[in-house]
Structures are given as structure tokens and as C-alpha cells.
């Protein structure tokens, strides 16, 4: 892809996220954060890709603005707002960092120690999701915590939410979250309910393949995408039954993250242990499917009885179309060559960033839409 820049950073990157921009502005994102893992000293770092001079295209490397030592591996990282970043640690703690843009410094704003733990040791906090002022965390201990900014304690804990590791979490609505776990289940939780039971459980039948990541469609809250250990991309309609709507063969190893484009959700992005970063694009068209150079055919498959017989097995004109004659799905590998594991990606506007075990960050401002 044109204008994709590799920045070698001497640390394995576990998470990367763009700083949000105002929804009313046409400005492209310029600042992103990264977190590292499996290094002697892990860090949270802030980078800028602001254009230098009057060049129309960005052609320079990301510039490091500031960084701060992080206790343990950065297991997840999310912007709470334009100044604050929430991180999940392998030590079980959850930290809010504040980025001071005038002085380009980072400092610890708030921390919840041992938010996740086993009876005799800490348990990694595996995921966080933010809907300011609330933060939800999940962990290897099967626990769900509801935190609130400027509230020192934990507002609510669902102690035995899961008997297995919870790998990721997303908000469906203001009071509802969705978690994915290591035995292939999605669980919906409603914080308006006082009990510790999920309001709904969806699952992959058969193999109990661990799910590592989940993202919700930005406009249609009932549509979610997941990925896991087998590299398959699954699309779910949480209103329809308890099984995925569609499965697609995607990566040859674990899928670590999946993201719908926040403003163009017919575009979806996935990254994997196999070193690839895929751009999936749905077209509403009557043309026969064609695949972009560098891409490969993404096959829609049904394992056992996963796709209900009443539903046409097509993902093609929109993520839940029922008419297989009106669309096509194209896939493109966004990276110029296979690399080590691509652990994290984020996309905003025309800009995409990803981080790898190859100690490199890849950035492009030319995402095709």
C-alpha cells in the first residue's frame, strides 16, 4: 500500500489507539498511543503523525512525544477522552494516565491496584472499555469490574462472571456490555440487573474455540464481530438465536483484534499472529465478486449447524444481508509483506495504525474507502 510507514521502536507493541477527534470536525487524527509487552521495561507512549511543512501526503516517521514506564505488560489500552488513557496490566491493575499536551508529558492520574486477582496472586486484566465516566474491566480471573472516573473504589464487581478467562469486552448500550471468553462464548450483561448472571449467552458450537476479540457495529448495536484462536471472522446478530450468523476463513493463526471502521462500517479490519492485517470491504452491487491485488478469497463457511438454515449464508452486500445476489466482499492485506505477529490495530478517518512483535509500528493516512 502507498504511504505506509514503518517505525522501529525497540519494543514489542501490544496495543495501539488513535486519540479521538471531535465528531464535528473534518480533522484527521494526528496522535496515537501505544503500549508494550514482553520487554524488560514496558511503556505507554504517545506519538504524533502531524504533517511537517506543506506536503500534501504524510511521508515522515511517527514522532515520539512522551512516554511513561508501565508496570507489567500492557494488556489493553483505550482513550477515555482526548487527555486521558486507560490501561490494563498483566499485574491486575488498571491505570488512568493523563497526557499534558502543552508540556508533552504523561503522568499517572488514577490507579486501581489488584482490580483482578486470584486467591494467592494477581490475575492479568485482559480488557478495558470506556464510556466516560464509566470504565469496565475484565480479566483472567473471570471477574467484571465497573469503575468510575474519580471514584477511588470499584463501583461494582461481578465476581464469578465466568469460570474461564474473559479476553475482551465492548459496550452494546449505555448499560449493557458484551464479553468473550476462552471457551468460545459471548455473554451479554445488563448493569441494571442486580444479579450476577448474564442476560444472554451465545456460543460457537462444537470446538469451544477461544475468542480473543470483539467489536460492535457503530450504527447497528445488535451486530458484532469476533475473532479467536482459529483465525475465523465471525459475524453475530445478538437478536437472532445464540449462534453466529456467518463465519469466514480469515487468518492462518490467532486473530488478535477486529474493528469496524467507526464512520464507514462496511469496512472492517482484522490482525493476526500470522503477521497479516486484513481490510474487509462490503459492496452493494450486482457485479460478480472480485478481489483486490494482494488479497485472497474470504470464504463464508458453516461448521456443523452454526448458520441457521432459515438464513441465506451470505455476508456479501451488508454484514447481515439475506440476498446473496446483491453484493461482494473484497479483502486486502494492508501490510507490504508478512511480518511477525500483528497484535493491535486502530482505524479512524483515513488513518490506520498497527503494532507488531517485530518491534515496529505501521502507519498509513491512505486507507482506501
Foldseek 3Di string as FASTA:
>chain_A
DPQKDKDFFPFFWQEKEFADDDPPDPDDTFKMWTWGAPDPWIKIWMWGQDADDDDPFRRDDIHTLEMDTDPAGFQYWDAQHNFWIWTWHQQQKIWIWGQDVVNSYIDTDAMDGLVACDPVGGWTFREWEYDPQWIWTFTQQCKIFIPGPPDRDTPDILRNLDPGGWHYKDALDPQKIWIFGQQFKIFIDGNVDPDNYTPDIAGDPDDSHGWHEKDAQQPQSQWMWTWFAQQKIFIDRNVDDRFTQWIKRGDRGGWQYKDQANVHRQWIWIFWQFQWIKIKHAAFAQDDADEDPQWDDIDIDDDDCRHPPVAQRDCHNHNRDRDNRTIYMYMHTPDPDRDGGFNYKYDYQQKIWTGRSSSMIIIRSHRDD
